Amino acid sequence: MGEISIKITISDRIYPLKVNTEEEEIVRRAAKIINERIKDYQENYAVRDKQDLLSMAVLHYATAVLRVENKVQNQDTAVAEKVEELDSLLNDFFSK
């Protein structure tokens, strides 16, 4: 598809980006979510410094990513254990 140039605004700053056309919607949605999180922190906490708000938003999303990665890793381990168990049962069955 190719790359396109877009402008994303995060915390009142404009960032020109080049993204694949397939990723444009995802990038725009991510920026919107980040801005909403920043606005939420600004309204609910006594934080006004943009850097602090950005840091809090980054920490929130980095923590969420790590939680999901951990969950996926645990699920992958559980699936691998089940596959090994099934393989062992099949080997026992066919070796009789």
PDB file of N, CA and C in Angstrom:
ATOM      1  N   MET A   1       0.807  -1.188   0.000  1.00  0.00           N
ATOM      2  CA  MET A   1       0.000   0.000   0.000  1.00  0.00           C
ATOM      3  C   MET A   1       0.859   1.264   0.000  1.00  0.00           C
ATOM      4  N   GLY A   2       1.889   1.356   0.851  1.00  0.00           N
ATOM      5  CA  GLY A   2       2.753   2.513   0.850  1.00  0.00           C
ATOM      6  C   GLY A   2       2.607   3.373   2.086  1.00  0.00           C
ATOM      7  N   GLU A   3       3.481   4.362   2.151  1.00  0.00           N
ATOM      8  CA  GLU A   3       3.481   5.268   3.283  1.00  0.00           C
ATOM      9  C   GLU A   3       2.748   6.560   2.936  1.00  0.00           C
ATOM     10  N   ILE A   4       2.155   7.147   3.979  1.00  0.00           N
ATOM     11  CA  ILE A   4       1.531   8.451   3.837  1.00  0.00           C
ATOM     12  C   ILE A   4       2.017   9.338   4.971  1.00  0.00           C
ATOM     13  N   SER A   5       1.946  10.631   4.760  1.00  0.00           N
ATOM     14  CA  SER A   5       2.315  11.594   5.793  1.00  0.00           C
ATOM     15  C   SER A   5       1.047  12.040   6.510  1.00  0.00           C
ATOM     16  N   ILE A   6       1.106  11.994   7.833  1.00  0.00           N
ATOM     17  CA  ILE A   6      -0.026  12.454   8.642  1.00  0.00           C
ATOM     18  C   ILE A   6       0.510  13.334   9.761  1.00  0.00           C
ATOM     19  N   LYS A   7      -0.376  14.079  10.380  1.00  0.00           N
ATOM     20  CA  LYS A   7      -0.020  14.886  11.543  1.00  0.00           C
ATOM     21  C   LYS A   7      -0.876  14.418  12.710  1.00  0.00           C
ATOM     22  N   ILE A   8      -0.221  14.117  13.805  1.00  0.00           N
ATOM     23  CA  ILE A   8      -0.881  13.651  15.013  1.00  0.00           C
ATOM     24  C   ILE A   8      -0.645  14.687  16.099  1.00  0.00           C
ATOM     25  N   THR A   9      -1.690  15.012  16.838  1.00  0.00           N
ATOM     26  CA  THR A   9      -1.557  15.945  17.952  1.00  0.00           C
ATOM     27  C   THR A   9      -1.660  15.165  19.260  1.00  0.00           C
ATOM     28  N   ILE A  10      -0.624  15.322  20.067  1.00  0.00           N
ATOM     29  CA  ILE A  10      -0.611  14.717  21.399  1.00  0.00           C
ATOM     30  C   ILE A  10      -0.233  15.808  22.386  1.00  0.00           C
ATOM     31  N   SER A  11      -1.111  16.019  23.348  1.00  0.00           N
ATOM     32  CA  SER A  11      -0.880  17.014  24.396  1.00  0.00           C
ATOM     33  C   SER A  11      -0.535  18.383  23.797  1.00  0.00           C
ATOM     34  N   ASP A  12      -1.344  18.797  22.850  1.00  0.00           N
ATOM     35  CA  ASP A  12      -1.225  20.108  22.200  1.00  0.00           C
ATOM     36  C   ASP A  12       0.053  20.297  21.378  1.00  0.00           C
ATOM     37  N   ARG A  13       0.719  19.215  21.038  1.00  0.00           N
ATOM     38  CA  ARG A  13       1.880  19.283  20.151  1.00  0.00           C
ATOM     39  C   ARG A  13       1.574  18.475  18.898  1.00  0.00           C
ATOM     40  N   ILE A  14       2.009  19.000  17.774  1.00  0.00           N
ATOM     41  CA  ILE A  14       1.775  18.337  16.499  1.00  0.00           C
ATOM     42  C   ILE A  14       3.025  17.555  16.114  1.00  0.00           C
ATOM     43  N   TYR A  15       2.800  16.303  15.733  1.00  0.00           N
ATOM     44  CA  TYR A  15       3.883  15.428  15.318  1.00  0.00           C
ATOM     45  C   TYR A  15       3.628  14.947  13.899  1.00  0.00           C
ATOM     46  N   PRO A  16       4.466  15.363  12.956  1.00  0.00           N
ATOM     47  CA  PRO A  16       4.326  14.839  11.599  1.00  0.00           C
ATOM     48  C   PRO A  16       4.924  13.431  11.550  1.00  0.00           C
ATOM     49  N   LEU A  17       4.186  12.509  10.969  1.00  0.00           N
ATOM     50  CA  LEU A  17       4.630  11.111  10.898  1.00  0.00           C
ATOM     51  C   LEU A  17       4.448  10.567   9.493  1.00  0.00           C
ATOM     52  N   LYS A  18       5.248   9.576   9.172  1.00  0.00           N
ATOM     53  CA  LYS A  18       5.015   8.781   7.971  1.00  0.00           C
ATOM     54  C   LYS A  18       4.639   7.393   8.451  1.00  0.00           C
ATOM     55  N   VAL A  19       3.478   6.928   8.024  1.00  0.00           N
ATOM     56  CA  VAL A  19       2.991   5.618   8.442  1.00  0.00           C
ATOM     57  C   VAL A  19       2.489   4.853   7.228  1.00  0.00           C
ATOM     58  N   ASN A  20       2.453   3.543   7.366  1.00  0.00           N
ATOM     59  CA  ASN A  20       1.828   2.728   6.328  1.00  0.00           C
ATOM     60  C   ASN A  20       0.344   3.036   6.311  1.00  0.00           C
ATOM     61  N   THR A  21      -0.252   3.016   5.151  1.00  0.00           N
ATOM     62  CA  THR A  21      -1.676   3.337   5.055  1.00  0.00           C
ATOM     63  C   THR A  21      -2.514   2.396   5.905  1.00  0.00           C
ATOM     64  N   GLU A  22      -2.080   1.147   6.055  1.00  0.00           N
ATOM     65  CA  GLU A  22      -2.827   0.187   6.870  1.00  0.00           C
ATOM     66  C   GLU A  22      -2.797   0.562   8.347  1.00  0.00           C
ATOM     67  N   GLU A  23      -1.778   1.295   8.771  1.00  0.00           N
ATOM     68  CA  GLU A  23      -1.610   1.632  10.183  1.00  0.00           C
ATOM     69  C   GLU A  23      -2.164   3.005  10.549  1.00  0.00           C
ATOM     70  N   GLU A  24      -2.601   3.775   9.562  1.00  0.00           N
ATOM     71  CA  GLU A  24      -3.047   5.139   9.844  1.00  0.00           C
ATOM     72  C   GLU A  24      -4.147   5.183  10.898  1.00  0.00           C
ATOM     73  N   GLU A  25      -5.156   4.375  10.738  1.00  0.00           N
ATOM     74  CA  GLU A  25      -6.274   4.384  11.685  1.00  0.00           C
ATOM     75  C   GLU A  25      -5.811   4.016  13.086  1.00  0.00           C
ATOM     76  N   ILE A  26      -4.926   3.041  13.180  1.00  0.00           N
ATOM     77  CA  ILE A  26      -4.423   2.606  14.485  1.00  0.00           C
ATOM     78  C   ILE A  26      -3.645   3.732  15.159  1.00  0.00           C
ATOM     79  N   VAL A  27      -2.793   4.411  14.398  1.00  0.00           N
ATOM     80  CA  VAL A  27      -1.999   5.510  14.953  1.00  0.00           C
ATOM     81  C   VAL A  27      -2.912   6.644  15.413  1.00  0.00           C
ATOM     82  N   ARG A  28      -3.909   6.967  14.599  1.00  0.00           N
ATOM     83  CA  ARG A  28      -4.838   8.043  14.979  1.00  0.00           C
ATOM     84  C   ARG A  28      -5.642   7.669  16.225  1.00  0.00           C
ATOM     85  N   ARG A  29      -6.071   6.427  16.310  1.00  0.00           N
ATOM     86  CA  ARG A  29      -6.811   5.973  17.494  1.00  0.00           C
ATOM     87  C   ARG A  29      -5.918   5.992  18.728  1.00  0.00           C
ATOM     88  N   ALA A  30      -4.659   5.589  18.560  1.00  0.00           N
ATOM     89  CA  ALA A  30      -3.713   5.600  19.683  1.00  0.00           C
ATOM     90  C   ALA A  30      -3.526   7.021  20.202  1.00  0.00           C
ATOM     91  N   ALA A  31      -3.360   7.977  19.297  1.00  0.00           N
ATOM     92  CA  ALA A  31      -3.202   9.370  19.707  1.00  0.00           C
ATOM     93  C   ALA A  31      -4.445   9.858  20.441  1.00  0.00           C
ATOM     94  N   LYS A  32      -5.614   9.473  19.948  1.00  0.00           N
ATOM     95  CA  LYS A  32      -6.863   9.883  20.596  1.00  0.00           C
ATOM     96  C   LYS A  32      -6.952   9.303  22.013  1.00  0.00           C
ATOM     97  N   ILE A  33      -6.590   8.043  22.158  1.00  0.00           N
ATOM     98  CA  ILE A  33      -6.631   7.392  23.469  1.00  0.00           C
ATOM     99  C   ILE A  33      -5.643   8.050  24.431  1.00  0.00           C
ATOM    100  N   ILE A  34      -4.455   8.364  23.940  1.00  0.00           N
ATOM    101  CA  ILE A  34      -3.450   9.025  24.776  1.00  0.00           C
ATOM    102  C   ILE A  34      -3.958  10.382  25.240  1.00  0.00           C
ATOM    103  N   ASN A  35      -4.523  11.152  24.314  1.00  0.00           N
ATOM    104  CA  ASN A  35      -5.056  12.471  24.673  1.00  0.00           C
ATOM    105  C   ASN A  35      -6.190  12.365  25.681  1.00  0.00           C
ATOM    106  N   GLU A  36      -7.039  11.349  25.538  1.00  0.00           N
ATOM    107  CA  GLU A  36      -8.117  11.153  26.509  1.00  0.00           C
ATOM    108  C   GLU A  36      -7.566  10.807  27.884  1.00  0.00           C
ATOM    109  N   ARG A  37      -6.539   9.977  27.919  1.00  0.00           N
ATOM    110  CA  ARG A  37      -5.916   9.604  29.201  1.00  0.00           C
ATOM    111  C   ARG A  37      -5.291  10.834  29.850  1.00  0.00           C
ATOM    112  N   ILE A  38      -4.601  11.643  29.066  1.00  0.00           N
ATOM    113  CA  ILE A  38      -3.985  12.864  29.591  1.00  0.00           C
ATOM    114  C   ILE A  38      -5.058  13.793  30.141  1.00  0.00           C
ATOM    115  N   LYS A  39      -6.140  13.954  29.411  1.00  0.00           N
ATOM    116  CA  LYS A  39      -7.235  14.818  29.857  1.00  0.00           C
ATOM    117  C   LYS A  39      -7.829  14.296  31.165  1.00  0.00           C
ATOM    118  N   ASP A  40      -7.984  12.973  31.246  1.00  0.00           N
ATOM    119  CA  ASP A  40      -8.509  12.364  32.467  1.00  0.00           C
ATOM    120  C   ASP A  40      -7.599  12.654  33.660  1.00  0.00           C
ATOM    121  N   TYR A  41      -6.287  12.484  33.480  1.00  0.00           N
ATOM    122  CA  TYR A  41      -5.351  12.778  34.562  1.00  0.00           C
ATOM    123  C   TYR A  41      -5.390  14.259  34.933  1.00  0.00           C
ATOM    124  N   GLN A  42      -5.493  15.100  33.923  1.00  0.00           N
ATOM    125  CA  GLN A  42      -5.516  16.543  34.169  1.00  0.00           C
ATOM    126  C   GLN A  42      -6.748  16.953  34.970  1.00  0.00           C
ATOM    127  N   GLU A  43      -7.879  16.330  34.681  1.00  0.00           N
ATOM    128  CA  GLU A  43      -9.122  16.676  35.367  1.00  0.00           C
ATOM    129  C   GLU A  43      -9.224  16.079  36.768  1.00  0.00           C
ATOM    130  N   ASN A  44      -8.606  14.919  36.980  1.00  0.00           N
ATOM    131  CA  ASN A  44      -8.790  14.212  38.241  1.00  0.00           C
ATOM    132  C   ASN A  44      -7.630  14.322  39.221  1.00  0.00           C
ATOM    133  N   TYR A  45      -6.523  14.875  38.782  1.00  0.00           N
ATOM    134  CA  TYR A  45      -5.366  15.019  39.664  1.00  0.00           C
ATOM    135  C   TYR A  45      -4.877  16.453  39.582  1.00  0.00           C
ATOM    136  N   ALA A  46      -4.137  16.858  40.572  1.00  0.00           N
ATOM    137  CA  ALA A  46      -3.631  18.227  40.617  1.00  0.00           C
ATOM    138  C   ALA A  46      -2.339  18.362  39.816  1.00  0.00           C
ATOM    139  N   VAL A  47      -2.304  17.726  38.672  1.00  0.00           N
ATOM    140  CA  VAL A  47      -1.112  17.763  37.825  1.00  0.00           C
ATOM    141  C   VAL A  47      -1.419  18.647  36.628  1.00  0.00           C
ATOM    142  N   ARG A  48      -0.576  19.606  36.389  1.00  0.00           N
ATOM    143  CA  ARG A  48      -0.785  20.506  35.256  1.00  0.00           C
ATOM    144  C   ARG A  48       0.378  20.452  34.276  1.00  0.00           C
ATOM    145  N   ASP A  49       1.529  19.995  34.732  1.00  0.00           N
ATOM    146  CA  ASP A  49       2.702  19.929  33.872  1.00  0.00           C
ATOM    147  C   ASP A  49       2.502  18.867  32.791  1.00  0.00           C
ATOM    148  N   LYS A  50       2.646  19.272  31.549  1.00  0.00           N
ATOM    149  CA  LYS A  50       2.412  18.361  30.423  1.00  0.00           C
ATOM    150  C   LYS A  50       3.352  17.158  30.464  1.00  0.00           C
ATOM    151  N   GLN A  51       4.590  17.376  30.860  1.00  0.00           N
ATOM    152  CA  GLN A  51       5.547  16.276  30.933  1.00  0.00           C
ATOM    153  C   GLN A  51       5.097  15.229  31.956  1.00  0.00           C
ATOM    154  N   ASP A  52       4.606  15.678  33.097  1.00  0.00           N
ATOM    155  CA  ASP A  52       4.120  14.750  34.113  1.00  0.00           C
ATOM    156  C   ASP A  52       2.905  13.975  33.604  1.00  0.00           C
ATOM    157  N   LEU A  53       2.007  14.676  32.920  1.00  0.00           N
ATOM    158  CA  LEU A  53       0.817  14.016  32.373  1.00  0.00           C
ATOM    159  C   LEU A  53       1.196  12.976  31.322  1.00  0.00           C
ATOM    160  N   LEU A  54       2.133  13.322  30.461  1.00  0.00           N
ATOM    161  CA  LEU A  54       2.604  12.366  29.452  1.00  0.00           C
ATOM    162  C   LEU A  54       3.265  11.162  30.106  1.00  0.00           C
ATOM    163  N   SER A  55       4.072  11.423  31.125  1.00  0.00           N
ATOM    164  CA  SER A  55       4.745  10.323  31.830  1.00  0.00           C
ATOM    165  C   SER A  55       3.743   9.383  32.481  1.00  0.00           C
ATOM    166  N   MET A  56       2.708   9.945  33.078  1.00  0.00           N
ATOM    167  CA  MET A  56       1.681   9.118  33.711  1.00  0.00           C
ATOM    168  C   MET A  56       0.933   8.287  32.665  1.00  0.00           C
ATOM    169  N   ALA A  57       0.640   8.885  31.526  1.00  0.00           N
ATOM    170  CA  ALA A  57      -0.045   8.156  30.451  1.00  0.00           C
ATOM    171  C   ALA A  57       0.837   7.033  29.914  1.00  0.00           C
ATOM    172  N   VAL A  58       2.112   7.316  29.707  1.00  0.00           N
ATOM    173  CA  VAL A  58       3.042   6.291  29.219  1.00  0.00           C
ATOM    174  C   VAL A  58       3.144   5.148  30.220  1.00  0.00           C
ATOM    175  N   LEU A  59       3.251   5.474  31.499  1.00  0.00           N
ATOM    176  CA  LEU A  59       3.320   4.438  32.526  1.00  0.00           C
ATOM    177  C   LEU A  59       2.059   3.578  32.513  1.00  0.00           C
ATOM    178  N   HIS A  60       0.905   4.211  32.368  1.00  0.00           N
ATOM    179  CA  HIS A  60      -0.367   3.479  32.315  1.00  0.00           C
ATOM    180  C   HIS A  60      -0.360   2.471  31.156  1.00  0.00           C
ATOM    181  N   TYR A  61       0.000   2.922  29.973  1.00  0.00           N
ATOM    182  CA  TYR A  61      -0.058   2.040  28.808  1.00  0.00           C
ATOM    183  C   TYR A  61       1.074   1.011  28.785  1.00  0.00           C
ATOM    184  N   ALA A  62       2.248   1.368  29.274  1.00  0.00           N
ATOM    185  CA  ALA A  62       3.337   0.399  29.350  1.00  0.00           C
ATOM    186  C   ALA A  62       2.987  -0.727  30.324  1.00  0.00           C
ATOM    187  N   THR A  63       2.364  -0.366  31.442  1.00  0.00           N
ATOM    188  CA  THR A  63       1.917  -1.366  32.406  1.00  0.00           C
ATOM    189  C   THR A  63       0.874  -2.284  31.791  1.00  0.00           C
ATOM    190  N   ALA A  64      -0.057  -1.712  31.046  1.00  0.00           N
ATOM    191  CA  ALA A  64      -1.095  -2.516  30.387  1.00  0.00           C
ATOM    192  C   ALA A  64      -0.480  -3.474  29.372  1.00  0.00           C
ATOM    193  N   VAL A  65       0.492  -3.009  28.618  1.00  0.00           N
ATOM    194  CA  VAL A  65       1.158  -3.870  27.627  1.00  0.00           C
ATOM    195  C   VAL A  65       1.870  -5.025  28.319  1.00  0.00           C
ATOM    196  N   LEU A  66       2.571  -4.731  29.405  1.00  0.00           N
ATOM    197  CA  LEU A  66       3.289  -5.781  30.127  1.00  0.00           C
ATOM    198  C   LEU A  66       2.331  -6.804  30.733  1.00  0.00           C
ATOM    199  N   ARG A  67       1.174  -6.335  31.226  1.00  0.00           N
ATOM    200  CA  ARG A  67       0.171  -7.269  31.744  1.00  0.00           C
ATOM    201  C   ARG A  67      -0.302  -8.212  30.649  1.00  0.00           C
ATOM    202  N   VAL A  68      -0.588  -7.658  29.481  1.00  0.00           N
ATOM    203  CA  VAL A  68      -1.069  -8.475  28.361  1.00  0.00           C
ATOM    204  C   VAL A  68       0.016  -9.443  27.905  1.00  0.00           C
ATOM    205  N   GLU A  69       1.253  -8.974  27.794  1.00  0.00           N
ATOM    206  CA  GLU A  69       2.352  -9.861  27.399  1.00  0.00           C
ATOM    207  C   GLU A  69       2.502 -11.013  28.388  1.00  0.00           C
ATOM    208  N   ASN A  70       2.402 -10.720  29.675  1.00  0.00           N
ATOM    209  CA  ASN A  70       2.512 -11.752  30.705  1.00  0.00           C
ATOM    210  C   ASN A  70       1.375 -12.761  30.571  1.00  0.00           C
ATOM    211  N   LYS A  71       0.167 -12.263  30.339  1.00  0.00           N
ATOM    212  CA  LYS A  71      -0.992 -13.143  30.190  1.00  0.00           C
ATOM    213  C   LYS A  71      -0.829 -14.050  28.961  1.00  0.00           C
ATOM    214  N   VAL A  72      -0.371 -13.476  27.862  1.00  0.00           N
ATOM    215  CA  VAL A  72      -0.164 -14.261  26.636  1.00  0.00           C
ATOM    216  C   VAL A  72       0.911 -15.314  26.864  1.00  0.00           C
ATOM    217  N   GLN A  73       1.987 -14.937  27.539  1.00  0.00           N
ATOM    218  CA  GLN A  73       3.062 -15.888  27.806  1.00  0.00           C
ATOM    219  C   GLN A  73       2.555 -17.039  28.670  1.00  0.00           C
ATOM    220  N   ASN A  74       1.752 -16.721  29.686  1.00  0.00           N
ATOM    221  CA  ASN A  74       1.192 -17.773  30.537  1.00  0.00           C
ATOM    222  C   ASN A  74       0.258 -18.679  29.748  1.00  0.00           C
ATOM    223  N   GLN A  75      -0.537 -18.095  28.867  1.00  0.00           N
ATOM    224  CA  GLN A  75      -1.436 -18.897  28.035  1.00  0.00           C
ATOM    225  C   GLN A  75      -0.646 -19.775  27.073  1.00  0.00           C
ATOM    226  N   ASP A  76       0.419 -19.225  26.492  1.00  0.00           N
ATOM    227  CA  ASP A  76       1.262 -20.019  25.598  1.00  0.00           C
ATOM    228  C   ASP A  76       1.882 -21.201  26.329  1.00  0.00           C
ATOM    229  N   THR A  77       2.317 -20.961  27.556  1.00  0.00           N
ATOM    230  CA  THR A  77       2.901 -22.036  28.359  1.00  0.00           C
ATOM    231  C   THR A  77       1.859 -23.110  28.648  1.00  0.00           C
ATOM    232  N   ALA A  78       0.655 -22.691  28.990  1.00  0.00           N
ATOM    233  CA  ALA A  78      -0.418 -23.644  29.284  1.00  0.00           C
ATOM    234  C   ALA A  78      -0.766 -24.456  28.043  1.00  0.00           C
ATOM    235  N   VAL A  79      -0.811 -23.822  26.889  1.00  0.00           N
ATOM    236  CA  VAL A  79      -1.111 -24.532  25.639  1.00  0.00           C
ATOM    237  C   VAL A  79       0.004 -25.525  25.331  1.00  0.00           C
ATOM    238  N   ALA A  80       1.243 -25.110  25.503  1.00  0.00           N
ATOM    239  CA  ALA A  80       2.373 -26.009  25.235  1.00  0.00           C
ATOM    240  C   ALA A  80       2.321 -27.227  26.155  1.00  0.00           C
ATOM    241  N   GLU A  81       1.966 -27.011  27.412  1.00  0.00           N
ATOM    242  CA  GLU A  81       1.856 -28.128  28.350  1.00  0.00           C
ATOM    243  C   GLU A  81       0.742 -29.088  27.925  1.00  0.00           C
ATOM    244  N   LYS A  82      -0.379 -28.557  27.481  1.00  0.00           N
ATOM    245  CA  LYS A  82      -1.495 -29.399  27.018  1.00  0.00           C
ATOM    246  C   LYS A  82      -1.107 -30.179  25.767  1.00  0.00           C
ATOM    247  N   VAL A  83      -0.374 -29.542  24.861  1.00  0.00           N
ATOM    248  CA  VAL A  83       0.071 -30.230  23.643  1.00  0.00           C
ATOM    249  C   VAL A  83       1.017 -31.368  24.004  1.00  0.00           C
ATOM    250  N   GLU A  84       1.933 -31.117  24.920  1.00  0.00           N
ATOM    251  CA  GLU A  84       2.852 -32.171  25.358  1.00  0.00           C
ATOM    252  C   GLU A  84       2.089 -33.323  26.004  1.00  0.00           C
ATOM    253  N   GLU A  85       1.105 -32.987  26.819  1.00  0.00           N
ATOM    254  CA  GLU A  85       0.286 -34.015  27.465  1.00  0.00           C
ATOM    255  C   GLU A  85      -0.460 -34.838  26.420  1.00  0.00           C
ATOM    256  N   LEU A  86      -1.046 -34.187  25.454  1.00  0.00           N
ATOM    257  CA  LEU A  86      -1.760 -34.878  24.378  1.00  0.00           C
ATOM    258  C   LEU A  86      -0.811 -35.737  23.560  1.00  0.00           C
ATOM    259  N   ASP A  87       0.373 -35.207  23.260  1.00  0.00           N
ATOM    260  CA  ASP A  87       1.374 -35.971  22.514  1.00  0.00           C
ATOM    261  C   ASP A  87       1.769 -37.228  23.276  1.00  0.00           C
ATOM    262  N   SER A  88       1.936 -37.108  24.575  1.00  0.00           N
ATOM    263  CA  SER A  88       2.296 -38.254  25.407  1.00  0.00           C
ATOM    264  C   SER A  88       1.183 -39.291  25.398  1.00  0.00           C
ATOM    265  N   LEU A  89      -0.075 -38.845  25.520  1.00  0.00           N
ATOM    266  CA  LEU A  89      -1.207 -39.773  25.474  1.00  0.00           C
ATOM    267  C   LEU A  89      -1.279 -40.495  24.132  1.00  0.00           C
ATOM    268  N   LEU A  90      -1.065 -39.753  23.043  1.00  0.00           N
ATOM    269  CA  LEU A  90      -1.113 -40.366  21.715  1.00  0.00           C
ATOM    270  C   LEU A  90       0.025 -41.351  21.524  1.00  0.00           C
ATOM    271  N   ASN A  91       1.201 -40.993  21.992  1.00  0.00           N
ATOM    272  CA  ASN A  91       2.344 -41.898  21.887  1.00  0.00           C
ATOM    273  C   ASN A  91       2.079 -43.183  22.669  1.00  0.00           C
ATOM    274  N   ASP A  92       1.517 -43.056  23.861  1.00  0.00           N
ATOM    275  CA  ASP A  92       1.175 -44.234  24.662  1.00  0.00           C
ATOM    276  C   ASP A  92       0.126 -45.094  23.947  1.00  0.00           C
ATOM    277  N   PHE A  93      -0.862 -44.449  23.393  1.00  0.00           N
ATOM    278  CA  PHE A  93      -1.945 -45.157  22.713  1.00  0.00           C
ATOM    279  C   PHE A  93      -1.409 -45.926  21.504  1.00  0.00           C
ATOM    280  N   PHE A  94      -0.596 -45.288  20.691  1.00  0.00           N
ATOM    281  CA  PHE A  94      -0.137 -45.904  19.449  1.00  0.00           C
ATOM    282  C   PHE A  94       1.021 -46.894  19.675  1.00  0.00           C
ATOM    283  N   SER A  95       1.631 -46.837  20.829  1.00  0.00           N
ATOM    284  CA  SER A  95       2.725 -47.790  21.088  1.00  0.00           C
ATOM    285  C   SER A  95       2.233 -49.120  21.638  1.00  0.00           C
ATOM    286  N   LYS A  96       0.909 -49.216  21.864  1.00  0.00           N
ATOM    287  CA  LYS A  96       0.334 -50.466  22.380  1.00  0.00           C
ATOM    288  C   LYS A  96       0.050 -51.417  21.283  1.00  0.00           C
TER     289      LYS A  96
END
